[in-house]
Amino acid sequence: MRIAGLGFKREANIGSLRDALAAAGGSNGLDALATASDKADAAALISLACELGLAVKAVPAETLARIETATHSLRVAAMHGTGSLAEAAALAAAGRRARLISTRVVSRDRTATAAIAEGEGE
């Protein structure tokens, strides 16, 4: 299972998410998008998921906080308990034996991040 994890600020729009996802490697071969549960119903994310024909996997905060990430943002760590929301969401949603195939990248407008992980699913 290949999952794109997305982290984003409130002001991020669908273009921000598209840009981050493209920088991480694009949507080809993805099975779903993933983010923190409290961001899963954001309009920009829902719009992107619909555009790509993908489901959004909502990852609980307590799950995200247990995941070690390859990159580390102090701001994200203070808010979510993990170094990268995008990486943690991708790894959690990809399931057992998940590994990052693209570490966190940032959109050009600096409002969204994306990372891609592969795993065995749930």
PDB file of N, CA and C in Angstrom:
ATOM      1  N   MET A   1       0.846  -1.168   0.000  1.00  0.00           N
ATOM      2  CA  MET A   1       0.000   0.000   0.000  1.00  0.00           C
ATOM      3  C   MET A   1       0.896   1.238   0.000  1.00  0.00           C
ATOM      4  N   ARG A   2       0.600   2.179  -0.880  1.00  0.00           N
ATOM      5  CA  ARG A   2       1.371   3.415  -0.996  1.00  0.00           C
ATOM      6  C   ARG A   2       0.475   4.582  -0.560  1.00  0.00           C
ATOM      7  N   ILE A   3       0.964   5.322   0.432  1.00  0.00           N
ATOM      8  CA  ILE A   3       0.183   6.390   1.045  1.00  0.00           C
ATOM      9  C   ILE A   3       0.960   7.699   1.016  1.00  0.00           C
ATOM     10  N   ALA A   4       0.277   8.779   0.670  1.00  0.00           N
ATOM     11  CA  ALA A   4       0.859  10.119   0.788  1.00  0.00           C
ATOM     12  C   ALA A   4       0.334  10.753   2.063  1.00  0.00           C
ATOM     13  N   GLY A   5       1.240  11.099   2.946  1.00  0.00           N
ATOM     14  CA  GLY A   5       0.878  11.832   4.148  1.00  0.00           C
ATOM     15  C   GLY A   5       0.976  13.323   3.866  1.00  0.00           C
ATOM     16  N   LEU A   6       0.012  14.074   4.375  1.00  0.00           N
ATOM     17  CA  LEU A   6      -0.013  15.516   4.151  1.00  0.00           C
ATOM     18  C   LEU A   6      -0.176  16.255   5.471  1.00  0.00           C
ATOM     19  N   GLY A   7       0.622  17.278   5.626  1.00  0.00           N
ATOM     20  CA  GLY A   7       0.479  18.206   6.736  1.00  0.00           C
ATOM     21  C   GLY A   7       0.275  19.580   6.126  1.00  0.00           C
ATOM     22  N   PHE A   8      -0.482  20.423   6.785  1.00  0.00           N
ATOM     23  CA  PHE A   8      -0.746  21.726   6.179  1.00  0.00           C
ATOM     24  C   PHE A   8      -1.281  22.707   7.206  1.00  0.00           C
ATOM     25  N   LYS A   9      -1.038  23.978   6.913  1.00  0.00           N
ATOM     26  CA  LYS A   9      -1.559  25.072   7.725  1.00  0.00           C
ATOM     27  C   LYS A   9      -2.995  25.370   7.291  1.00  0.00           C
ATOM     28  N   ARG A  10      -3.732  26.071   8.141  1.00  0.00           N
ATOM     29  CA  ARG A  10      -5.119  26.419   7.837  1.00  0.00           C
ATOM     30  C   ARG A  10      -5.267  27.142   6.506  1.00  0.00           C
ATOM     31  N   GLU A  11      -4.292  27.998   6.182  1.00  0.00           N
ATOM     32  CA  GLU A  11      -4.413  28.800   4.962  1.00  0.00           C
ATOM     33  C   GLU A  11      -4.014  28.053   3.689  1.00  0.00           C
ATOM     34  N   ALA A  12      -3.593  26.804   3.805  1.00  0.00           N
ATOM     35  CA  ALA A  12      -3.229  26.016   2.618  1.00  0.00           C
ATOM     36  C   ALA A  12      -4.452  25.816   1.732  1.00  0.00           C
ATOM     37  N   ASN A  13      -4.222  25.852   0.432  1.00  0.00           N
ATOM     38  CA  ASN A  13      -5.307  25.605  -0.513  1.00  0.00           C
ATOM     39  C   ASN A  13      -4.977  24.350  -1.328  1.00  0.00           C
ATOM     40  N   ILE A  14      -5.858  23.973  -2.210  1.00  0.00           N
ATOM     41  CA  ILE A  14      -5.635  22.757  -2.992  1.00  0.00           C
ATOM     42  C   ILE A  14      -4.348  22.853  -3.819  1.00  0.00           C
ATOM     43  N   GLY A  15      -4.026  24.038  -4.284  1.00  0.00           N
ATOM     44  CA  GLY A  15      -2.779  24.226  -5.036  1.00  0.00           C
ATOM     45  C   GLY A  15      -1.554  23.956  -4.174  1.00  0.00           C
ATOM     46  N   SER A  16      -1.613  24.352  -2.917  1.00  0.00           N
ATOM     47  CA  SER A  16      -0.513  24.093  -1.979  1.00  0.00           C
ATOM     48  C   SER A  16      -0.317  22.589  -1.799  1.00  0.00           C
ATOM     49  N   LEU A  17      -1.426  21.880  -1.600  1.00  0.00           N
ATOM     50  CA  LEU A  17      -1.353  20.424  -1.403  1.00  0.00           C
ATOM     51  C   LEU A  17      -0.867  19.728  -2.669  1.00  0.00           C
ATOM     52  N   ARG A  18      -1.377  20.158  -3.824  1.00  0.00           N
ATOM     53  CA  ARG A  18      -0.914  19.585  -5.099  1.00  0.00           C
ATOM     54  C   ARG A  18       0.584  19.774  -5.271  1.00  0.00           C
ATOM     55  N   ASP A  19       1.063  20.975  -4.961  1.00  0.00           N
ATOM     56  CA  ASP A  19       2.474  21.305  -5.113  1.00  0.00           C
ATOM     57  C   ASP A  19       3.347  20.433  -4.210  1.00  0.00           C
ATOM     58  N   ALA A  20       2.957  20.280  -2.953  1.00  0.00           N
ATOM     59  CA  ALA A  20       3.720  19.439  -2.028  1.00  0.00           C
ATOM     60  C   ALA A  20       3.717  17.984  -2.497  1.00  0.00           C
ATOM     61  N   LEU A  21       2.559  17.498  -2.907  1.00  0.00           N
ATOM     62  CA  LEU A  21       2.463  16.120  -3.374  1.00  0.00           C
ATOM     63  C   LEU A  21       3.319  15.895  -4.619  1.00  0.00           C
ATOM     64  N   ALA A  22       3.308  16.828  -5.544  1.00  0.00           N
ATOM     65  CA  ALA A  22       4.137  16.710  -6.749  1.00  0.00           C
ATOM     66  C   ALA A  22       5.619  16.675  -6.375  1.00  0.00           C
ATOM     67  N   ALA A  23       6.019  17.509  -5.438  1.00  0.00           N
ATOM     68  CA  ALA A  23       7.417  17.551  -5.011  1.00  0.00           C
ATOM     69  C   ALA A  23       7.847  16.253  -4.330  1.00  0.00           C
ATOM     70  N   ALA A  24       6.886  15.564  -3.696  1.00  0.00           N
ATOM     71  CA  ALA A  24       7.186  14.292  -3.019  1.00  0.00           C
ATOM     72  C   ALA A  24       7.243  13.115  -3.982  1.00  0.00           C
ATOM     73  N   GLY A  25       6.788  13.305  -5.212  1.00  0.00           N
ATOM     74  CA  GLY A  25       6.825  12.216  -6.182  1.00  0.00           C
ATOM     75  C   GLY A  25       5.549  12.041  -6.972  1.00  0.00           C
ATOM     76  N   GLY A  26       4.521  12.780  -6.608  1.00  0.00           N
ATOM     77  CA  GLY A  26       3.284  12.719  -7.372  1.00  0.00           C
ATOM     78  C   GLY A  26       2.302  11.678  -6.880  1.00  0.00           C
ATOM     79  N   SER A  27       1.169  11.623  -7.555  1.00  0.00           N
ATOM     80  CA  SER A  27       0.061  10.776  -7.101  1.00  0.00           C
ATOM     81  C   SER A  27       0.007   9.407  -7.773  1.00  0.00           C
ATOM     82  N   ASN A  28       0.824   9.161  -8.778  1.00  0.00           N
ATOM     83  CA  ASN A  28       0.779   7.857  -9.462  1.00  0.00           C
ATOM     84  C   ASN A  28       1.074   6.725  -8.490  1.00  0.00           C
ATOM     85  N   GLY A  29       0.211   5.733  -8.487  1.00  0.00           N
ATOM     86  CA  GLY A  29       0.402   4.563  -7.647  1.00  0.00           C
ATOM     87  C   GLY A  29      -0.064   4.717  -6.218  1.00  0.00           C
ATOM     88  N   LEU A  30      -0.606   5.862  -5.851  1.00  0.00           N
ATOM     89  CA  LEU A  30      -1.083   6.047  -4.481  1.00  0.00           C
ATOM     90  C   LEU A  30      -2.378   5.290  -4.244  1.00  0.00           C
ATOM     91  N   ASP A  31      -2.519   4.780  -3.022  1.00  0.00           N
ATOM     92  CA  ASP A  31      -3.748   4.107  -2.614  1.00  0.00           C
ATOM     93  C   ASP A  31      -4.642   5.008  -1.776  1.00  0.00           C
ATOM     94  N   ALA A  32      -4.056   6.012  -1.120  1.00  0.00           N
ATOM     95  CA  ALA A  32      -4.833   6.916  -0.274  1.00  0.00           C
ATOM     96  C   ALA A  32      -3.965   8.093   0.137  1.00  0.00           C
ATOM     97  N   LEU A  33      -4.639   9.096   0.695  1.00  0.00           N
ATOM     98  CA  LEU A  33      -3.981  10.219   1.349  1.00  0.00           C
ATOM     99  C   LEU A  33      -4.195  10.046   2.845  1.00  0.00           C
ATOM    100  N   ALA A  34      -3.311  10.615   3.656  1.00  0.00           N
ATOM    101  CA  ALA A  34      -3.459  10.509   5.105  1.00  0.00           C
ATOM    102  C   ALA A  34      -3.031  11.810   5.764  1.00  0.00           C
ATOM    103  N   THR A  35      -3.672  12.107   6.882  1.00  0.00           N
ATOM    104  CA  THR A  35      -3.305  13.262   7.695  1.00  0.00           C
ATOM    105  C   THR A  35      -3.820  13.039   9.110  1.00  0.00           C
ATOM    106  N   ALA A  36      -3.574  14.006   9.976  1.00  0.00           N
ATOM    107  CA  ALA A  36      -4.078  13.942  11.346  1.00  0.00           C
ATOM    108  C   ALA A  36      -5.601  14.001  11.341  1.00  0.00           C
ATOM    109  N   SER A  37      -6.211  13.319  12.282  1.00  0.00           N
ATOM    110  CA  SER A  37      -7.679  13.281  12.369  1.00  0.00           C
ATOM    111  C   SER A  37      -8.299  14.670  12.395  1.00  0.00           C
ATOM    112  N   ASP A  38      -7.651  15.616  13.078  1.00  0.00           N
ATOM    113  CA  ASP A  38      -8.235  16.954  13.185  1.00  0.00           C
ATOM    114  C   ASP A  38      -8.108  17.783  11.912  1.00  0.00           C
ATOM    115  N   LYS A  39      -7.421  17.260  10.895  1.00  0.00           N
ATOM    116  CA  LYS A  39      -7.278  17.955   9.617  1.00  0.00           C
ATOM    117  C   LYS A  39      -7.991  17.218   8.476  1.00  0.00           C
ATOM    118  N   ALA A  40      -8.498  16.034   8.746  1.00  0.00           N
ATOM    119  CA  ALA A  40      -9.010  15.156   7.694  1.00  0.00           C
ATOM    120  C   ALA A  40     -10.233  15.693   6.955  1.00  0.00           C
ATOM    121  N   ASP A  41     -10.938  16.633   7.554  1.00  0.00           N
ATOM    122  CA  ASP A  41     -12.127  17.167   6.880  1.00  0.00           C
ATOM    123  C   ASP A  41     -11.889  18.548   6.266  1.00  0.00           C
ATOM    124  N   ALA A  42     -10.635  18.960   6.151  1.00  0.00           N
ATOM    125  CA  ALA A  42     -10.314  20.255   5.544  1.00  0.00           C
ATOM    126  C   ALA A  42     -10.744  20.276   4.080  1.00  0.00           C
ATOM    127  N   ALA A  43     -11.341  21.373   3.671  1.00  0.00           N
ATOM    128  CA  ALA A  43     -11.891  21.484   2.311  1.00  0.00           C
ATOM    129  C   ALA A  43     -10.834  21.242   1.239  1.00  0.00           C
ATOM    130  N   ALA A  44      -9.636  21.795   1.412  1.00  0.00           N
ATOM    131  CA  ALA A  44      -8.578  21.625   0.397  1.00  0.00           C
ATOM    132  C   ALA A  44      -8.183  20.160   0.261  1.00  0.00           C
ATOM    133  N   LEU A  45      -8.098  19.454   1.377  1.00  0.00           N
ATOM    134  CA  LEU A  45      -7.730  18.037   1.343  1.00  0.00           C
ATOM    135  C   LEU A  45      -8.830  17.199   0.701  1.00  0.00           C
ATOM    136  N   ILE A  46     -10.066  17.451   1.072  1.00  0.00           N
ATOM    137  CA  ILE A  46     -11.197  16.711   0.491  1.00  0.00           C
ATOM    138  C   ILE A  46     -11.254  16.956  -1.017  1.00  0.00           C
ATOM    139  N   SER A  47     -11.026  18.191  -1.428  1.00  0.00           N
ATOM    140  CA  SER A  47     -11.035  18.516  -2.860  1.00  0.00           C
ATOM    141  C   SER A  47      -9.944  17.764  -3.600  1.00  0.00           C
ATOM    142  N   LEU A  48      -8.742  17.713  -3.022  1.00  0.00           N
ATOM    143  CA  LEU A  48      -7.640  16.989  -3.660  1.00  0.00           C
ATOM    144  C   LEU A  48      -7.956  15.501  -3.733  1.00  0.00           C
ATOM    145  N   ALA A  49      -8.465  14.936  -2.655  1.00  0.00           N
ATOM    146  CA  ALA A  49      -8.807  13.517  -2.641  1.00  0.00           C
ATOM    147  C   ALA A  49      -9.840  13.192  -3.721  1.00  0.00           C
ATOM    148  N   CYS A  50     -10.853  14.040  -3.862  1.00  0.00           N
ATOM    149  CA  CYS A  50     -11.874  13.833  -4.896  1.00  0.00           C
ATOM    150  C   CYS A  50     -11.265  13.939  -6.284  1.00  0.00           C
ATOM    151  N   GLU A  51     -10.418  14.923  -6.487  1.00  0.00           N
ATOM    152  CA  GLU A  51      -9.751  15.118  -7.780  1.00  0.00           C
ATOM    153  C   GLU A  51      -8.928  13.888  -8.172  1.00  0.00           C
ATOM    154  N   LEU A  52      -8.269  13.282  -7.174  1.00  0.00           N
ATOM    155  CA  LEU A  52      -7.403  12.129  -7.433  1.00  0.00           C
ATOM    156  C   LEU A  52      -8.137  10.789  -7.333  1.00  0.00           C
ATOM    157  N   GLY A  53      -9.368  10.795  -6.852  1.00  0.00           N
ATOM    158  CA  GLY A  53     -10.117   9.557  -6.667  1.00  0.00           C
ATOM    159  C   GLY A  53      -9.566   8.702  -5.542  1.00  0.00           C
ATOM    160  N   LEU A  54      -9.073   9.354  -4.481  1.00  0.00           N
ATOM    161  CA  LEU A  54      -8.459   8.646  -3.364  1.00  0.00           C
ATOM    162  C   LEU A  54      -9.221   8.911  -2.066  1.00  0.00           C
ATOM    163  N   ALA A  55      -9.165   7.950  -1.164  1.00  0.00           N
ATOM    164  CA  ALA A  55      -9.735   8.111   0.170  1.00  0.00           C
ATOM    165  C   ALA A  55      -8.753   8.891   1.040  1.00  0.00           C
ATOM    166  N   VAL A  56      -9.289   9.493   2.100  1.00  0.00           N
ATOM    167  CA  VAL A  56      -8.462  10.154   3.106  1.00  0.00           C
ATOM    168  C   VAL A  56      -8.485   9.299   4.359  1.00  0.00           C
ATOM    169  N   LYS A  57      -7.309   8.927   4.826  1.00  0.00           N
ATOM    170  CA  LYS A  57      -7.187   8.174   6.077  1.00  0.00           C
ATOM    171  C   LYS A  57      -6.863   9.161   7.187  1.00  0.00           C
ATOM    172  N   ALA A  58      -7.701   9.187   8.214  1.00  0.00           N
ATOM    173  CA  ALA A  58      -7.505  10.068   9.365  1.00  0.00           C
ATOM    174  C   ALA A  58      -6.728   9.306  10.433  1.00  0.00           C
ATOM    175  N   VAL A  59      -5.593   9.847  10.834  1.00  0.00           N
ATOM    176  CA  VAL A  59      -4.732   9.179  11.814  1.00  0.00           C
ATOM    177  C   VAL A  59      -4.869   9.888  13.160  1.00  0.00           C
ATOM    178  N   PRO A  60      -5.240   9.152  14.215  1.00  0.00           N
ATOM    179  CA  PRO A  60      -5.408   9.768  15.536  1.00  0.00           C
ATOM    180  C   PRO A  60      -4.100  10.370  16.066  1.00  0.00           C
ATOM    181  N   ALA A  61      -4.237  11.438  16.832  1.00  0.00           N
ATOM    182  CA  ALA A  61      -3.079  12.149  17.383  1.00  0.00           C
ATOM    183  C   ALA A  61      -2.175  11.224  18.200  1.00  0.00           C
ATOM    184  N   GLU A  62      -2.773  10.333  18.973  1.00  0.00           N
ATOM    185  CA  GLU A  62      -1.954   9.442  19.811  1.00  0.00           C
ATOM    186  C   GLU A  62      -1.121   8.477  18.971  1.00  0.00           C
ATOM    187  N   THR A  63      -1.605   8.109  17.810  1.00  0.00           N
ATOM    188  CA  THR A  63      -0.836   7.255  16.895  1.00  0.00           C
ATOM    189  C   THR A  63       0.317   8.046  16.290  1.00  0.00           C
ATOM    190  N   LEU A  64       0.034   9.250  15.837  1.00  0.00           N
ATOM    191  CA  LEU A  64       1.078  10.101  15.245  1.00  0.00           C
ATOM    192  C   LEU A  64       2.215  10.335  16.230  1.00  0.00           C
ATOM    193  N   ALA A  65       1.871  10.568  17.493  1.00  0.00           N
ATOM    194  CA  ALA A  65       2.872  10.898  18.511  1.00  0.00           C
ATOM    195  C   ALA A  65       3.839   9.751  18.787  1.00  0.00           C
ATOM    196  N   ARG A  66       3.474   8.532  18.432  1.00  0.00           N
ATOM    197  CA  ARG A  66       4.343   7.365  18.677  1.00  0.00           C
ATOM    198  C   ARG A  66       5.309   7.086  17.528  1.00  0.00           C
ATOM    199  N   ILE A  67       5.204   7.832  16.444  1.00  0.00           N
ATOM    200  CA  ILE A  67       5.980   7.504  15.252  1.00  0.00           C
ATOM    201  C   ILE A  67       7.214   8.379  15.133  1.00  0.00           C
ATOM    202  N   GLU A  68       8.363   7.737  14.981  1.00  0.00           N
ATOM    203  CA  GLU A  68       9.619   8.456  14.737  1.00  0.00           C
ATOM    204  C   GLU A  68       9.695   8.795  13.257  1.00  0.00           C
ATOM    205  N   THR A  69      10.143   9.992  12.964  1.00  0.00           N
ATOM    206  CA  THR A  69      10.207  10.454  11.589  1.00  0.00           C
ATOM    207  C   THR A  69      11.636  10.777  11.176  1.00  0.00           C
ATOM    208  N   ALA A  70      11.864  10.790   9.888  1.00  0.00           N
ATOM    209  CA  ALA A  70      13.211  11.064   9.365  1.00  0.00           C
ATOM    210  C   ALA A  70      13.570  12.543   9.487  1.00  0.00           C
ATOM    211  N   THR A  71      12.569  13.415   9.395  1.00  0.00           N
ATOM    212  CA  THR A  71      12.824  14.846   9.514  1.00  0.00           C
ATOM    213  C   THR A  71      12.131  15.360  10.763  1.00  0.00           C
ATOM    214  N   HIS A  72      12.503  16.575  11.190  1.00  0.00           N
ATOM    215  CA  HIS A  72      11.979  17.078  12.455  1.00  0.00           C
ATOM    216  C   HIS A  72      11.739  18.586  12.391  1.00  0.00           C
ATOM    217  N   SER A  73      10.508  18.959  12.631  1.00  0.00           N
ATOM    218  CA  SER A  73      10.123  20.362  12.748  1.00  0.00           C
ATOM    219  C   SER A  73       9.745  20.622  14.199  1.00  0.00           C
ATOM    220  N   LEU A  74      10.382  21.610  14.816  1.00  0.00           N
ATOM    221  CA  LEU A  74      10.065  21.931  16.213  1.00  0.00           C
ATOM    222  C   LEU A  74       8.612  22.377  16.361  1.00  0.00           C
ATOM    223  N   ARG A  75       8.108  23.143  15.405  1.00  0.00           N
ATOM    224  CA  ARG A  75       6.727  23.612  15.449  1.00  0.00           C
ATOM    225  C   ARG A  75       5.751  22.436  15.399  1.00  0.00           C
ATOM    226  N   VAL A  76       5.995  21.506  14.486  1.00  0.00           N
ATOM    227  CA  VAL A  76       5.121  20.336  14.353  1.00  0.00           C
ATOM    228  C   VAL A  76       5.235  19.441  15.589  1.00  0.00           C
ATOM    229  N   ALA A  77       6.439  19.271  16.100  1.00  0.00           N
ATOM    230  CA  ALA A  77       6.630  18.446  17.298  1.00  0.00           C
ATOM    231  C   ALA A  77       5.850  19.012  18.478  1.00  0.00           C
ATOM    232  N   ALA A  78       5.848  20.324  18.626  1.00  0.00           N
ATOM    233  CA  ALA A  78       5.115  20.945  19.722  1.00  0.00           C
ATOM    234  C   ALA A  78       3.605  20.765  19.564  1.00  0.00           C
ATOM    235  N   MET A  79       3.129  20.770  18.339  1.00  0.00           N
ATOM    236  CA  MET A  79       1.690  20.666  18.086  1.00  0.00           C
ATOM    237  C   MET A  79       1.187  19.229  18.010  1.00  0.00           C
ATOM    238  N   HIS A  80       2.005  18.325  17.444  1.00  0.00           N
ATOM    239  CA  HIS A  80       1.517  16.967  17.151  1.00  0.00           C
ATOM    240  C   HIS A  80       2.313  15.854  17.823  1.00  0.00           C
ATOM    241  N   GLY A  81       3.402  16.189  18.486  1.00  0.00           N
ATOM    242  CA  GLY A  81       4.179  15.167  19.190  1.00  0.00           C
ATOM    243  C   GLY A  81       5.031  14.294  18.292  1.00  0.00           C
ATOM    244  N   THR A  82       5.202  14.710  17.052  1.00  0.00           N
ATOM    245  CA  THR A  82       6.043  13.976  16.103  1.00  0.00           C
ATOM    246  C   THR A  82       6.805  14.995  15.263  1.00  0.00           C
ATOM    247  N   GLY A  83       7.928  14.591  14.709  1.00  0.00           N
ATOM    248  CA  GLY A  83       8.770  15.521  13.974  1.00  0.00           C
ATOM    249  C   GLY A  83       8.215  15.982  12.644  1.00  0.00           C
ATOM    250  N   SER A  84       7.383  15.153  12.017  1.00  0.00           N
ATOM    251  CA  SER A  84       6.794  15.495  10.724  1.00  0.00           C
ATOM    252  C   SER A  84       5.403  14.879  10.641  1.00  0.00           C
ATOM    253  N   LEU A  85       4.408  15.711  10.561  1.00  0.00           N
ATOM    254  CA  LEU A  85       3.038  15.212  10.428  1.00  0.00           C
ATOM    255  C   LEU A  85       2.879  14.422   9.138  1.00  0.00           C
ATOM    256  N   ALA A  86       3.447  14.921   8.041  1.00  0.00           N
ATOM    257  CA  ALA A  86       3.326  14.236   6.752  1.00  0.00           C
ATOM    258  C   ALA A  86       3.949  12.845   6.806  1.00  0.00           C
ATOM    259  N   GLU A  87       5.169  12.750   7.329  1.00  0.00           N
ATOM    260  CA  GLU A  87       5.841  11.449   7.412  1.00  0.00           C
ATOM    261  C   GLU A  87       5.115  10.497   8.355  1.00  0.00           C
ATOM    262  N   ALA A  88       4.732  10.990   9.533  1.00  0.00           N
ATOM    263  CA  ALA A  88       4.062  10.137  10.512  1.00  0.00           C
ATOM    264  C   ALA A  88       2.726   9.624   9.984  1.00  0.00           C
ATOM    265  N   ALA A  89       1.965  10.495   9.333  1.00  0.00           N
ATOM    266  CA  ALA A  89       0.663  10.073   8.792  1.00  0.00           C
ATOM    267  C   ALA A  89       0.847   9.033   7.692  1.00  0.00           C
ATOM    268  N   ALA A  90       1.820   9.253   6.810  1.00  0.00           N
ATOM    269  CA  ALA A  90       2.076   8.292   5.733  1.00  0.00           C
ATOM    270  C   ALA A  90       2.479   6.939   6.302  1.00  0.00           C
ATOM    271  N   LEU A  91       3.393   6.945   7.268  1.00  0.00           N
ATOM    272  CA  LEU A  91       3.862   5.688   7.864  1.00  0.00           C
ATOM    273  C   LEU A  91       2.742   4.962   8.606  1.00  0.00           C
ATOM    274  N   ALA A  92       1.964   5.697   9.378  1.00  0.00           N
ATOM    275  CA  ALA A  92       0.873   5.076  10.143  1.00  0.00           C
ATOM    276  C   ALA A  92      -0.164   4.453   9.220  1.00  0.00           C
ATOM    277  N   ALA A  93      -0.538   5.174   8.187  1.00  0.00           N
ATOM    278  CA  ALA A  93      -1.593   4.698   7.284  1.00  0.00           C
ATOM    279  C   ALA A  93      -1.118   3.584   6.354  1.00  0.00           C
ATOM    280  N   ALA A  94       0.177   3.513   6.098  1.00  0.00           N
ATOM    281  CA  ALA A  94       0.705   2.469   5.200  1.00  0.00           C
ATOM    282  C   ALA A  94       0.740   1.105   5.874  1.00  0.00           C
ATOM    283  N   GLY A  95       0.646   1.065   7.185  1.00  0.00           N
ATOM    284  CA  GLY A  95       0.543  -0.210   7.893  1.00  0.00           C
ATOM    285  C   GLY A  95       1.874  -0.855   8.235  1.00  0.00           C
ATOM    286  N   ARG A  96       1.792  -2.164   8.484  1.00  0.00           N
ATOM    287  CA  ARG A  96       2.968  -2.926   8.913  1.00  0.00           C
ATOM    288  C   ARG A  96       4.118  -2.783   7.925  1.00  0.00           C
ATOM    289  N   ARG A  97       5.313  -2.780   8.477  1.00  0.00           N
ATOM    290  CA  ARG A  97       6.561  -2.704   7.705  1.00  0.00           C
ATOM    291  C   ARG A  97       6.628  -1.477   6.802  1.00  0.00           C
ATOM    292  N   ALA A  98       5.952  -0.415   7.206  1.00  0.00           N
ATOM    293  CA  ALA A  98       5.959   0.813   6.406  1.00  0.00           C
ATOM    294  C   ALA A  98       7.348   1.436   6.409  1.00  0.00           C
ATOM    295  N   ARG A  99       7.684   2.010   5.262  1.00  0.00           N
ATOM    296  CA  ARG A  99       8.964   2.726   5.127  1.00  0.00           C
ATOM    297  C   ARG A  99       8.721   3.931   4.232  1.00  0.00           C
ATOM    298  N   LEU A 100       9.461   4.988   4.509  1.00  0.00           N
ATOM    299  CA  LEU A 100       9.332   6.186   3.686  1.00  0.00           C
ATOM    300  C   LEU A 100      10.036   5.983   2.356  1.00  0.00           C
ATOM    301  N   ILE A 101       9.369   6.360   1.282  1.00  0.00           N
ATOM    302  CA  ILE A 101      10.032   6.367  -0.019  1.00  0.00           C
ATOM    303  C   ILE A 101      10.268   7.808  -0.473  1.00  0.00           C
ATOM    304  N   SER A 102       9.644   8.745   0.234  1.00  0.00           N
ATOM    305  CA  SER A 102       9.895  10.169   0.014  1.00  0.00           C
ATOM    306  C   SER A 102       9.728  10.875   1.356  1.00  0.00           C
ATOM    307  N   THR A 103      10.807  11.462   1.853  1.00  0.00           N
ATOM    308  CA  THR A 103      10.704  12.207   3.104  1.00  0.00           C
ATOM    309  C   THR A 103       9.964  13.516   2.859  1.00  0.00           C
ATOM    310  N   ARG A 104       9.679  14.195   3.924  1.00  0.00           N
ATOM    311  CA  ARG A 104       8.886  15.421   3.892  1.00  0.00           C
ATOM    312  C   ARG A 104       9.465  16.468   2.942  1.00  0.00           C
ATOM    313  N   VAL A 105       8.605  16.992   2.118  1.00  0.00           N
ATOM    314  CA  VAL A 105       8.924  18.136   1.261  1.00  0.00           C
ATOM    315  C   VAL A 105       7.876  19.216   1.533  1.00  0.00           C
ATOM    316  N   VAL A 106       8.234  20.446   1.233  1.00  0.00           N
ATOM    317  CA  VAL A 106       7.379  21.587   1.545  1.00  0.00           C
ATOM    318  C   VAL A 106       6.927  22.260   0.254  1.00  0.00           C
ATOM    319  N   SER A 107       5.664  22.664   0.226  1.00  0.00           N
ATOM    320  CA  SER A 107       5.141  23.387  -0.939  1.00  0.00           C
ATOM    321  C   SER A 107       5.875  24.718  -1.098  1.00  0.00           C
ATOM    322  N   ARG A 108       5.833  25.245  -2.305  1.00  0.00           N
ATOM    323  CA  ARG A 108       6.520  26.514  -2.572  1.00  0.00           C
ATOM    324  C   ARG A 108       5.985  27.653  -1.720  1.00  0.00           C
ATOM    325  N   ASP A 109       4.696  27.621  -1.384  1.00  0.00           N
ATOM    326  CA  ASP A 109       4.145  28.697  -0.554  1.00  0.00           C
ATOM    327  C   ASP A 109       4.327  28.430   0.942  1.00  0.00           C
ATOM    328  N   ARG A 110       4.984  27.329   1.277  1.00  0.00           N
ATOM    329  CA  ARG A 110       5.347  26.957   2.648  1.00  0.00           C
ATOM    330  C   ARG A 110       4.145  26.667   3.552  1.00  0.00           C
ATOM    331  N   THR A 111       3.002  26.311   2.969  1.00  0.00           N
ATOM    332  CA  THR A 111       1.817  26.028   3.788  1.00  0.00           C
ATOM    333  C   THR A 111       1.446  24.550   3.836  1.00  0.00           C
ATOM    334  N   ALA A 112       2.136  23.706   3.065  1.00  0.00           N
ATOM    335  CA  ALA A 112       1.804  22.276   3.041  1.00  0.00           C
ATOM    336  C   ALA A 112       3.063  21.439   2.933  1.00  0.00           C
ATOM    337  N   THR A 113       2.993  20.237   3.502  1.00  0.00           N
ATOM    338  CA  THR A 113       4.083  19.270   3.393  1.00  0.00           C
ATOM    339  C   THR A 113       3.512  17.937   2.926  1.00  0.00           C
ATOM    340  N   ALA A 114       4.354  17.144   2.300  1.00  0.00           N
ATOM    341  CA  ALA A 114       3.939  15.809   1.856  1.00  0.00           C
ATOM    342  C   ALA A 114       5.103  14.843   1.999  1.00  0.00           C
ATOM    343  N   ALA A 115       4.772  13.596   2.247  1.00  0.00           N
ATOM    344  CA  ALA A 115       5.732  12.495   2.300  1.00  0.00           C
ATOM    345  C   ALA A 115       4.997  11.253   1.822  1.00  0.00           C
ATOM    346  N   ILE A 116       5.734  10.296   1.280  1.00  0.00           N
ATOM    347  CA  ILE A 116       5.114   9.069   0.780  1.00  0.00           C
ATOM    348  C   ILE A 116       5.748   7.864   1.443  1.00  0.00           C
ATOM    349  N   ALA A 117       4.898   6.923   1.852  1.00  0.00           N
ATOM    350  CA  ALA A 117       5.359   5.687   2.482  1.00  0.00           C
ATOM    351  C   ALA A 117       4.710   4.483   1.802  1.00  0.00           C
ATOM    352  N   GLU A 118       5.402   3.359   1.868  1.00  0.00           N
ATOM    353  CA  GLU A 118       4.857   2.076   1.404  1.00  0.00           C
ATOM    354  C   GLU A 118       4.862   1.106   2.571  1.00  0.00           C
ATOM    355  N   GLY A 119       3.832   0.286   2.626  1.00  0.00           N
ATOM    356  CA  GLY A 119       3.733  -0.715   3.675  1.00  0.00           C
ATOM    357  C   GLY A 119       2.778  -1.815   3.267  1.00  0.00           C
ATOM    358  N   GLU A 120       2.527  -2.721   4.194  1.00  0.00           N
ATOM    359  CA  GLU A 120       1.683  -3.884   3.920  1.00  0.00           C
ATOM    360  C   GLU A 120       0.202  -3.608   4.158  1.00  0.00           C
ATOM    361  N   GLY A 121      -0.140  -2.393   4.509  1.00  0.00           N
ATOM    362  CA  GLY A 121      -1.550  -2.094   4.804  1.00  0.00           C
ATOM    363  C   GLY A 121      -1.891  -2.495   6.216  1.00  0.00           C
ATOM    364  N   GLU A 122      -3.159  -2.471   6.529  1.00  0.00           N
ATOM    365  CA  GLU A 122      -3.609  -2.704   7.902  1.00  0.00           C
ATOM    366  C   GLU A 122      -3.411  -4.078   8.387  1.00  0.00           C
TER     367      GLU A 122
END
